[in-house]
Amino acid sequence: MDKTYYDILGLDPFASEKEIKQAYRQMARTLHPDKAKDEKERKEKEKLFADVSEAYNILKDKIKRSDYDLKLKKLEEKGYFVQKKPDKKSASSQTVPDGTATRGERAKEKDNIARKAYTKGMQVLKSGDYAKAITFFEAAIENDDGSESIYFYRIAQSMMHARKSFTKAAEYCNKAIAKEPYNYHYKLLLGEIYEMAGIFTNARKIYEEILKWDKTNVDAKERLKKMGFSVGEESKSFFGKILRKIRGK
């Protein structure tokens, strides 16, 4: 492999989505076959433009890019090629004289690792492999700067389905809620975690709190109904009686 897709677009492996789009648009303007002066140049541009389009179509897609990056890493480990370092230097990506990455470059690299780990985590989560998804979301959290609430939400969701530590799952979910207090999906998940842990009083409080914000929230109403409660009062159902008995009422 002489050139990677990043090389073709003149980018480094940590390029943002915006940078990928900008590089493609700029190259498309100069390499489009319609701009050729003669047939020979037209064929050359067609070949170059096809390569650029192929690179762009892979790198613009998060999942395809993640798979491609993994492929590059394996090829590099086998010694087939060494990825080129970016030519452009900015305040956030410069290296100090001894070649050590600056803080900005390291932060960008960690963010990229977190994004890829999250993307892979979502793939295995959707396949139902919750235990494996947890490991990817852990990697995302470990490399994130703490700004992404969705990473905490997804690991809590995975732990709940995998029936891992409900205490840890609730802890992660609360971290997501702390970052987005009014995201009812996060609150709803916390309620479900409490339900599965058998802490029905806490679950009920969570669902009723959601209904204070949104009285028409169908999900919260359904969860209360399944627990044996109706909105605003305890149900007289058999399950409701059991819950009252547990609470000593």
C-alpha atoms as a PDB file:
ATOM      1  CA  MET A   1       0.000   0.000   0.000  1.00  0.00           C
ATOM      2  CA  ASP A   2       1.779   3.159  -1.249  1.00  0.00           C
ATOM      3  CA  LYS A   3      -0.781   5.676  -0.092  1.00  0.00           C
ATOM      4  CA  THR A   4      -3.481   5.641   2.536  1.00  0.00           C
ATOM      5  CA  TYR A   5      -6.794   7.419   2.141  1.00  0.00           C
ATOM      6  CA  TYR A   6      -5.419  10.101   4.434  1.00  0.00           C
ATOM      7  CA  ASP A   7      -2.401  10.548   2.144  1.00  0.00           C
ATOM      8  CA  ILE A   8      -4.671  10.857  -0.889  1.00  0.00           C
ATOM      9  CA  LEU A   9      -6.605  13.687   0.746  1.00  0.00           C
ATOM     10  CA  GLY A  10      -3.454  15.252   2.194  1.00  0.00           C
ATOM     11  CA  LEU A  11      -4.599  14.760   5.777  1.00  0.00           C
ATOM     12  CA  ASP A  12      -3.245  13.268   8.981  1.00  0.00           C
ATOM     13  CA  PRO A  13      -4.973  10.302  10.703  1.00  0.00           C
ATOM     14  CA  PHE A  14      -6.502  12.586  13.337  1.00  0.00           C
ATOM     15  CA  ALA A  15      -8.243  14.908  10.871  1.00  0.00           C
ATOM     16  CA  SER A  16     -11.704  16.071  11.882  1.00  0.00           C
ATOM     17  CA  GLU A  17     -14.845  15.480   9.820  1.00  0.00           C
ATOM     18  CA  LYS A  18     -14.796  19.146   8.836  1.00  0.00           C
ATOM     19  CA  GLU A  19     -11.209  18.891   7.589  1.00  0.00           C
ATOM     20  CA  ILE A  20     -12.066  15.788   5.559  1.00  0.00           C
ATOM     21  CA  LYS A  21     -14.958  17.570   3.841  1.00  0.00           C
ATOM     22  CA  GLN A  22     -12.880  20.663   3.146  1.00  0.00           C
ATOM     23  CA  ALA A  23     -10.035  18.617   1.634  1.00  0.00           C
ATOM     24  CA  TYR A  24     -12.440  16.693  -0.608  1.00  0.00           C
ATOM     25  CA  ARG A  25     -14.217  19.807  -1.870  1.00  0.00           C
ATOM     26  CA  GLN A  26     -10.941  21.541  -2.633  1.00  0.00           C
ATOM     27  CA  MET A  27      -9.545  18.558  -4.548  1.00  0.00           C
ATOM     28  CA  ALA A  28     -12.834  17.942  -6.355  1.00  0.00           C
ATOM     29  CA  ARG A  29     -12.709  21.452  -7.768  1.00  0.00           C
ATOM     30  CA  THR A  30      -9.258  20.948  -9.265  1.00  0.00           C
ATOM     31  CA  LEU A  31      -9.424  17.272 -10.246  1.00  0.00           C
ATOM     32  CA  HIS A  32     -12.882  17.038 -11.778  1.00  0.00           C
ATOM     33  CA  PRO A  33     -12.597  15.529 -15.289  1.00  0.00           C
ATOM     34  CA  ASP A  34     -14.738  18.302 -16.769  1.00  0.00           C
ATOM     35  CA  LYS A  35     -11.870  20.700 -16.131  1.00  0.00           C
ATOM     36  CA  ALA A  36      -9.450  18.721 -18.358  1.00  0.00           C
ATOM     37  CA  LYS A  37      -7.929  20.441 -21.396  1.00  0.00           C
ATOM     38  CA  ASP A  38      -7.613  17.294 -23.515  1.00  0.00           C
ATOM     39  CA  GLU A  39      -8.446  13.581 -23.503  1.00  0.00           C
ATOM     40  CA  LYS A  40      -5.142  12.531 -21.915  1.00  0.00           C
ATOM     41  CA  GLU A  41      -5.562  14.952 -19.029  1.00  0.00           C
ATOM     42  CA  ARG A  42      -9.187  13.915 -18.702  1.00  0.00           C
ATOM     43  CA  LYS A  43      -8.211  10.270 -18.141  1.00  0.00           C
ATOM     44  CA  GLU A  44      -5.598  11.283 -15.586  1.00  0.00           C
ATOM     45  CA  LYS A  45      -8.094  13.405 -13.706  1.00  0.00           C
ATOM     46  CA  GLU A  46     -10.700  10.628 -13.810  1.00  0.00           C
ATOM     47  CA  LYS A  47      -8.255   8.255 -12.112  1.00  0.00           C
ATOM     48  CA  LEU A  48      -7.219  10.797  -9.483  1.00  0.00           C
ATOM     49  CA  PHE A  49     -10.787  11.920  -8.871  1.00  0.00           C
ATOM     50  CA  ALA A  50     -11.918   8.297  -8.438  1.00  0.00           C
ATOM     51  CA  ASP A  51      -9.218   7.773  -5.787  1.00  0.00           C
ATOM     52  CA  VAL A  52     -10.201  10.970  -3.986  1.00  0.00           C
ATOM     53  CA  SER A  53     -13.891  10.041  -4.058  1.00  0.00           C
ATOM     54  CA  GLU A  54     -13.156   6.545  -2.732  1.00  0.00           C
ATOM     55  CA  ALA A  55     -11.062   7.979   0.110  1.00  0.00           C
ATOM     56  CA  TYR A  56     -13.724  10.519   0.979  1.00  0.00           C
ATOM     57  CA  ASN A  57     -16.573   7.995   0.988  1.00  0.00           C
ATOM     58  CA  ILE A  58     -14.695   5.839   3.519  1.00  0.00           C
ATOM     59  CA  LEU A  59     -13.399   8.579   5.812  1.00  0.00           C
ATOM     60  CA  LYS A  60     -16.655  10.554   5.997  1.00  0.00           C
ATOM     61  CA  ASP A  61     -18.465   7.510   7.440  1.00  0.00           C
ATOM     62  CA  LYS A  62     -17.638   6.991  11.130  1.00  0.00           C
ATOM     63  CA  ILE A  63     -18.037   3.230  11.119  1.00  0.00           C
ATOM     64  CA  LYS A  64     -16.187   2.684   7.823  1.00  0.00           C
ATOM     65  CA  ARG A  65     -13.421   5.005   8.987  1.00  0.00           C
ATOM     66  CA  SER A  66     -13.086   3.122  12.265  1.00  0.00           C
ATOM     67  CA  ASP A  67     -12.766  -0.205  10.413  1.00  0.00           C
ATOM     68  CA  TYR A  68     -10.270   1.316   7.971  1.00  0.00           C
ATOM     69  CA  ASP A  69      -8.131   2.756  10.788  1.00  0.00           C
ATOM     70  CA  LEU A  70      -8.004  -0.684  12.398  1.00  0.00           C
ATOM     71  CA  LYS A  71      -6.893  -2.175   9.079  1.00  0.00           C
ATOM     72  CA  LEU A  72      -4.145   0.449   8.752  1.00  0.00           C
ATOM     73  CA  LYS A  73      -2.920  -0.281  12.246  1.00  0.00           C
ATOM     74  CA  LYS A  74      -2.640  -4.012  11.511  1.00  0.00           C
ATOM     75  CA  LEU A  75      -0.782  -3.360   8.245  1.00  0.00           C
ATOM     76  CA  GLU A  76       1.589  -0.967   9.985  1.00  0.00           C
ATOM     77  CA  GLU A  77       2.297  -3.541  12.701  1.00  0.00           C
ATOM     78  CA  LYS A  78       3.217  -6.039   9.974  1.00  0.00           C
ATOM     79  CA  GLY A  79       5.620  -3.495   8.475  1.00  0.00           C
ATOM     80  CA  TYR A  80       3.851  -2.962   5.156  1.00  0.00           C
ATOM     81  CA  PHE A  81       4.102   0.802   5.466  1.00  0.00           C
ATOM     82  CA  VAL A  82       4.569   3.621   7.941  1.00  0.00           C
ATOM     83  CA  GLN A  83       1.947   6.299   8.085  1.00  0.00           C
ATOM     84  CA  LYS A  84       3.230   9.716   7.153  1.00  0.00           C
ATOM     85  CA  LYS A  85       3.268  12.425   9.741  1.00  0.00           C
ATOM     86  CA  PRO A  86       1.182  15.528   9.001  1.00  0.00           C
ATOM     87  CA  ASP A  87       3.085  18.250   7.136  1.00  0.00           C
ATOM     88  CA  LYS A  88       1.005  21.064   8.516  1.00  0.00           C
ATOM     89  CA  LYS A  89       1.820  22.385  11.945  1.00  0.00           C
ATOM     90  CA  SER A  90      -0.440  24.458  14.114  1.00  0.00           C
ATOM     91  CA  ALA A  91      -0.494  25.628  17.707  1.00  0.00           C
ATOM     92  CA  SER A  92      -2.451  22.523  18.675  1.00  0.00           C
ATOM     93  CA  SER A  93      -0.439  19.938  16.703  1.00  0.00           C
ATOM     94  CA  GLN A  94       3.210  21.041  16.820  1.00  0.00           C
ATOM     95  CA  THR A  95       5.881  18.870  18.412  1.00  0.00           C
ATOM     96  CA  VAL A  96       8.692  20.020  20.615  1.00  0.00           C
ATOM     97  CA  PRO A  97      12.319  19.670  19.290  1.00  0.00           C
ATOM     98  CA  ASP A  98      12.820  16.149  20.703  1.00  0.00           C
ATOM     99  CA  GLY A  99       9.746  14.896  18.817  1.00  0.00           C
ATOM    100  CA  THR A 100       7.491  14.605  21.844  1.00  0.00           C
ATOM    101  CA  ALA A 101       3.852  15.475  21.150  1.00  0.00           C
ATOM    102  CA  THR A 102       2.499  18.630  22.720  1.00  0.00           C
ATOM    103  CA  ARG A 103      -0.426  18.639  25.116  1.00  0.00           C
ATOM    104  CA  GLY A 104      -2.784  19.737  22.335  1.00  0.00           C
ATOM    105  CA  GLU A 105      -1.707  16.914  20.051  1.00  0.00           C
ATOM    106  CA  ARG A 106      -2.029  14.320  22.804  1.00  0.00           C
ATOM    107  CA  ALA A 107      -5.510  15.604  23.672  1.00  0.00           C
ATOM    108  CA  LYS A 108      -6.564  15.341  20.033  1.00  0.00           C
ATOM    109  CA  GLU A 109      -5.217  11.801  19.811  1.00  0.00           C
ATOM    110  CA  LYS A 110      -7.040  10.719  22.986  1.00  0.00           C
ATOM    111  CA  ASP A 111     -10.273  12.281  21.723  1.00  0.00           C
ATOM    112  CA  ASN A 112      -9.912  10.335  18.491  1.00  0.00           C
ATOM    113  CA  ILE A 113      -9.369   7.097  20.425  1.00  0.00           C
ATOM    114  CA  ALA A 114     -12.455   7.830  22.542  1.00  0.00           C
ATOM    115  CA  ARG A 115     -14.576   8.449  19.444  1.00  0.00           C
ATOM    116  CA  LYS A 116     -13.456   5.228  17.787  1.00  0.00           C
ATOM    117  CA  ALA A 117     -13.995   3.204  20.963  1.00  0.00           C
ATOM    118  CA  TYR A 118     -17.516   4.622  21.289  1.00  0.00           C
ATOM    119  CA  THR A 119     -18.335   3.812  17.651  1.00  0.00           C
ATOM    120  CA  LYS A 120     -17.151   0.231  18.110  1.00  0.00           C
ATOM    121  CA  GLY A 121     -19.025   0.006  21.393  1.00  0.00           C
ATOM    122  CA  MET A 122     -22.254   0.976  19.664  1.00  0.00           C
ATOM    123  CA  GLN A 123     -21.700  -1.708  17.034  1.00  0.00           C
ATOM    124  CA  VAL A 124     -21.386  -4.515  19.565  1.00  0.00           C
ATOM    125  CA  LEU A 125     -24.132  -3.045  21.751  1.00  0.00           C
ATOM    126  CA  LYS A 126     -26.562  -3.305  18.847  1.00  0.00           C
ATOM    127  CA  SER A 127     -25.468  -6.905  18.274  1.00  0.00           C
ATOM    128  CA  GLY A 128     -26.422  -7.723  21.867  1.00  0.00           C
ATOM    129  CA  ASP A 129     -22.903  -8.363  23.160  1.00  0.00           C
ATOM    130  CA  TYR A 130     -23.310  -6.121  26.211  1.00  0.00           C
ATOM    131  CA  ALA A 131     -20.253  -7.383  28.112  1.00  0.00           C
ATOM    132  CA  LYS A 132     -17.984  -6.585  25.171  1.00  0.00           C
ATOM    133  CA  ALA A 133     -19.657  -3.209  24.651  1.00  0.00           C
ATOM    134  CA  ILE A 134     -18.760  -2.277  28.232  1.00  0.00           C
ATOM    135  CA  THR A 135     -15.034  -2.626  27.508  1.00  0.00           C
ATOM    136  CA  PHE A 136     -15.258  -0.251  24.530  1.00  0.00           C
ATOM    137  CA  PHE A 137     -17.275   2.335  26.447  1.00  0.00           C
ATOM    138  CA  GLU A 138     -14.766   2.118  29.288  1.00  0.00           C
ATOM    139  CA  ALA A 139     -12.031   2.956  26.779  1.00  0.00           C
ATOM    140  CA  ALA A 140     -14.095   5.880  25.466  1.00  0.00           C
ATOM    141  CA  ILE A 141     -14.544   7.272  28.980  1.00  0.00           C
ATOM    142  CA  GLU A 142     -10.883   6.749  29.836  1.00  0.00           C
ATOM    143  CA  ASN A 143      -9.733   8.764  26.808  1.00  0.00           C
ATOM    144  CA  ASP A 144     -12.448  11.424  26.856  1.00  0.00           C
ATOM    145  CA  ASP A 145     -11.915  14.812  28.465  1.00  0.00           C
ATOM    146  CA  GLY A 146     -15.109  14.358  30.471  1.00  0.00           C
ATOM    147  CA  SER A 147     -17.400  16.353  28.185  1.00  0.00           C
ATOM    148  CA  GLU A 148     -19.372  13.495  26.602  1.00  0.00           C
ATOM    149  CA  SER A 149     -22.395  12.462  28.654  1.00  0.00           C
ATOM    150  CA  ILE A 150     -23.445   9.859  26.082  1.00  0.00           C
ATOM    151  CA  TYR A 151     -20.435   7.674  26.938  1.00  0.00           C
ATOM    152  CA  PHE A 152     -21.638   7.338  30.541  1.00  0.00           C
ATOM    153  CA  TYR A 153     -25.203   6.716  29.396  1.00  0.00           C
ATOM    154  CA  ARG A 154     -24.215   3.897  27.047  1.00  0.00           C
ATOM    155  CA  ILE A 155     -21.979   2.103  29.530  1.00  0.00           C
ATOM    156  CA  ALA A 156     -24.754   2.276  32.139  1.00  0.00           C
ATOM    157  CA  GLN A 157     -27.194   0.863  29.576  1.00  0.00           C
ATOM    158  CA  SER A 158     -24.797  -1.966  28.705  1.00  0.00           C
ATOM    159  CA  MET A 159     -24.169  -2.826  32.349  1.00  0.00           C
ATOM    160  CA  MET A 160     -27.889  -2.958  33.049  1.00  0.00           C
ATOM    161  CA  HIS A 161     -28.546  -5.368  30.154  1.00  0.00           C
ATOM    162  CA  ALA A 162     -25.492  -7.459  31.051  1.00  0.00           C
ATOM    163  CA  ARG A 163     -26.777  -7.533  34.638  1.00  0.00           C
ATOM    164  CA  LYS A 164     -23.444  -6.338  35.948  1.00  0.00           C
ATOM    165  CA  SER A 165     -23.104  -4.211  39.092  1.00  0.00           C
ATOM    166  CA  PHE A 166     -26.332  -2.205  39.320  1.00  0.00           C
ATOM    167  CA  THR A 167     -24.585   0.141  41.755  1.00  0.00           C
ATOM    168  CA  LYS A 168     -21.898   0.945  39.186  1.00  0.00           C
ATOM    169  CA  ALA A 169     -24.487   1.238  36.424  1.00  0.00           C
ATOM    170  CA  ALA A 170     -26.458   3.757  38.502  1.00  0.00           C
ATOM    171  CA  GLU A 171     -23.236   5.643  39.213  1.00  0.00           C
ATOM    172  CA  TYR A 172     -22.425   5.981  35.507  1.00  0.00           C
ATOM    173  CA  CYS A 173     -26.010   6.993  34.726  1.00  0.00           C
ATOM    174  CA  ASN A 174     -25.923   9.684  37.418  1.00  0.00           C
ATOM    175  CA  LYS A 175     -22.743  11.071  35.846  1.00  0.00           C
ATOM    176  CA  ALA A 176     -24.563  11.363  32.528  1.00  0.00           C
ATOM    177  CA  ILE A 177     -27.483  13.093  34.268  1.00  0.00           C
ATOM    178  CA  ALA A 178     -25.104  15.502  36.021  1.00  0.00           C
ATOM    179  CA  LYS A 179     -23.928  16.674  32.597  1.00  0.00           C
ATOM    180  CA  GLU A 180     -27.448  16.838  31.102  1.00  0.00           C
ATOM    181  CA  PRO A 181     -29.928  17.199  34.005  1.00  0.00           C
ATOM    182  CA  TYR A 182     -32.968  17.572  31.749  1.00  0.00           C
ATOM    183  CA  ASN A 183     -32.332  14.626  29.431  1.00  0.00           C
ATOM    184  CA  TYR A 184     -35.279  12.402  30.258  1.00  0.00           C
ATOM    185  CA  HIS A 185     -33.743   9.395  28.474  1.00  0.00           C
ATOM    186  CA  TYR A 186     -30.955   9.393  31.060  1.00  0.00           C
ATOM    187  CA  LYS A 187     -33.468   9.661  33.892  1.00  0.00           C
ATOM    188  CA  LEU A 188     -35.578   6.888  32.437  1.00  0.00           C
ATOM    189  CA  LEU A 189     -32.589   4.560  32.253  1.00  0.00           C
ATOM    190  CA  LEU A 190     -31.741   5.295  35.883  1.00  0.00           C
ATOM    191  CA  GLY A 191     -35.292   4.344  36.839  1.00  0.00           C
ATOM    192  CA  GLU A 192     -34.993   1.068  34.930  1.00  0.00           C
ATOM    193  CA  ILE A 193     -31.691   0.290  36.664  1.00  0.00           C
ATOM    194  CA  TYR A 194     -33.353   0.804  40.045  1.00  0.00           C
ATOM    195  CA  GLU A 195     -36.212  -1.460  38.975  1.00  0.00           C
ATOM    196  CA  MET A 196     -33.881  -4.268  37.963  1.00  0.00           C
ATOM    197  CA  ALA A 197     -32.016  -3.851  41.239  1.00  0.00           C
ATOM    198  CA  GLY A 198     -35.321  -4.155  43.109  1.00  0.00           C
ATOM    199  CA  ILE A 199     -35.175  -0.597  44.468  1.00  0.00           C
ATOM    200  CA  PHE A 200     -38.742   0.249  43.472  1.00  0.00           C
ATOM    201  CA  THR A 201     -39.100   3.338  45.659  1.00  0.00           C
ATOM    202  CA  ASN A 202     -36.195   5.042  43.905  1.00  0.00           C
ATOM    203  CA  ALA A 203     -37.479   3.984  40.507  1.00  0.00           C
ATOM    204  CA  ARG A 204     -40.904   5.441  41.238  1.00  0.00           C
ATOM    205  CA  LYS A 205     -39.359   8.747  42.333  1.00  0.00           C
ATOM    206  CA  ILE A 206     -37.399   8.975  39.096  1.00  0.00           C
ATOM    207  CA  TYR A 207     -40.455   8.346  36.902  1.00  0.00           C
ATOM    208  CA  GLU A 208     -42.565  10.817  38.856  1.00  0.00           C
ATOM    209  CA  GLU A 209     -39.797  13.389  38.540  1.00  0.00           C
ATOM    210  CA  ILE A 210     -39.868  12.961  34.767  1.00  0.00           C
ATOM    211  CA  LEU A 211     -43.629  13.538  34.812  1.00  0.00           C
ATOM    212  CA  LYS A 212     -43.127  16.768  36.737  1.00  0.00           C
ATOM    213  CA  TRP A 213     -41.218  18.070  33.731  1.00  0.00           C
ATOM    214  CA  ASP A 214     -43.452  16.441  31.144  1.00  0.00           C
ATOM    215  CA  LYS A 215     -46.918  15.327  32.263  1.00  0.00           C
ATOM    216  CA  THR A 216     -47.513  13.585  28.939  1.00  0.00           C
ATOM    217  CA  ASN A 217     -44.363  11.448  28.984  1.00  0.00           C
ATOM    218  CA  VAL A 218     -45.588   8.047  27.818  1.00  0.00           C
ATOM    219  CA  ASP A 219     -42.448   6.129  28.821  1.00  0.00           C
ATOM    220  CA  ALA A 220     -42.568   7.240  32.457  1.00  0.00           C
ATOM    221  CA  LYS A 221     -46.289   6.495  32.656  1.00  0.00           C
ATOM    222  CA  GLU A 222     -45.773   3.009  31.230  1.00  0.00           C
ATOM    223  CA  ARG A 223     -42.991   2.235  33.695  1.00  0.00           C
ATOM    224  CA  LEU A 224     -45.166   3.333  36.623  1.00  0.00           C
ATOM    225  CA  LYS A 225     -48.046   1.276  35.297  1.00  0.00           C
ATOM    226  CA  LYS A 226     -45.880  -1.868  35.038  1.00  0.00           C
ATOM    227  CA  MET A 227     -44.735  -1.311  38.606  1.00  0.00           C
ATOM    228  CA  GLY A 228     -48.336  -1.191  39.771  1.00  0.00           C
ATOM    229  CA  PHE A 229     -48.737   2.579  40.152  1.00  0.00           C
ATOM    230  CA  SER A 230     -50.963   4.995  38.334  1.00  0.00           C
ATOM    231  CA  VAL A 231     -49.981   8.601  37.824  1.00  0.00           C
ATOM    232  CA  GLY A 232     -50.402  10.620  40.996  1.00  0.00           C
ATOM    233  CA  GLU A 233     -51.501   7.760  43.240  1.00  0.00           C
ATOM    234  CA  GLU A 234     -50.738   4.180  44.184  1.00  0.00           C
ATOM    235  CA  SER A 235     -52.541   1.504  42.270  1.00  0.00           C
ATOM    236  CA  LYS A 236     -54.793  -1.000  43.954  1.00  0.00           C
ATOM    237  CA  SER A 237     -53.319  -3.781  41.846  1.00  0.00           C
ATOM    238  CA  PHE A 238     -51.794  -6.867  43.378  1.00  0.00           C
ATOM    239  CA  PHE A 239     -48.282  -5.602  42.614  1.00  0.00           C
ATOM    240  CA  GLY A 240     -49.086  -2.244  44.147  1.00  0.00           C
ATOM    241  CA  LYS A 241     -50.189  -3.958  47.357  1.00  0.00           C
ATOM    242  CA  ILE A 242     -46.946  -5.898  47.479  1.00  0.00           C
ATOM    243  CA  LEU A 243     -44.928  -2.706  47.091  1.00  0.00           C
ATOM    244  CA  ARG A 244     -46.847  -1.024  49.895  1.00  0.00           C
ATOM    245  CA  LYS A 245     -46.256  -4.060  52.076  1.00  0.00           C
ATOM    246  CA  ILE A 246     -42.514  -3.927  51.360  1.00  0.00           C
ATOM    247  CA  ARG A 247     -42.490  -0.273  52.390  1.00  0.00           C
ATOM    248  CA  GLY A 248     -44.425  -1.129  55.558  1.00  0.00           C
ATOM    249  CA  LYS A 249     -47.620   0.666  54.581  1.00  0.00           C
END
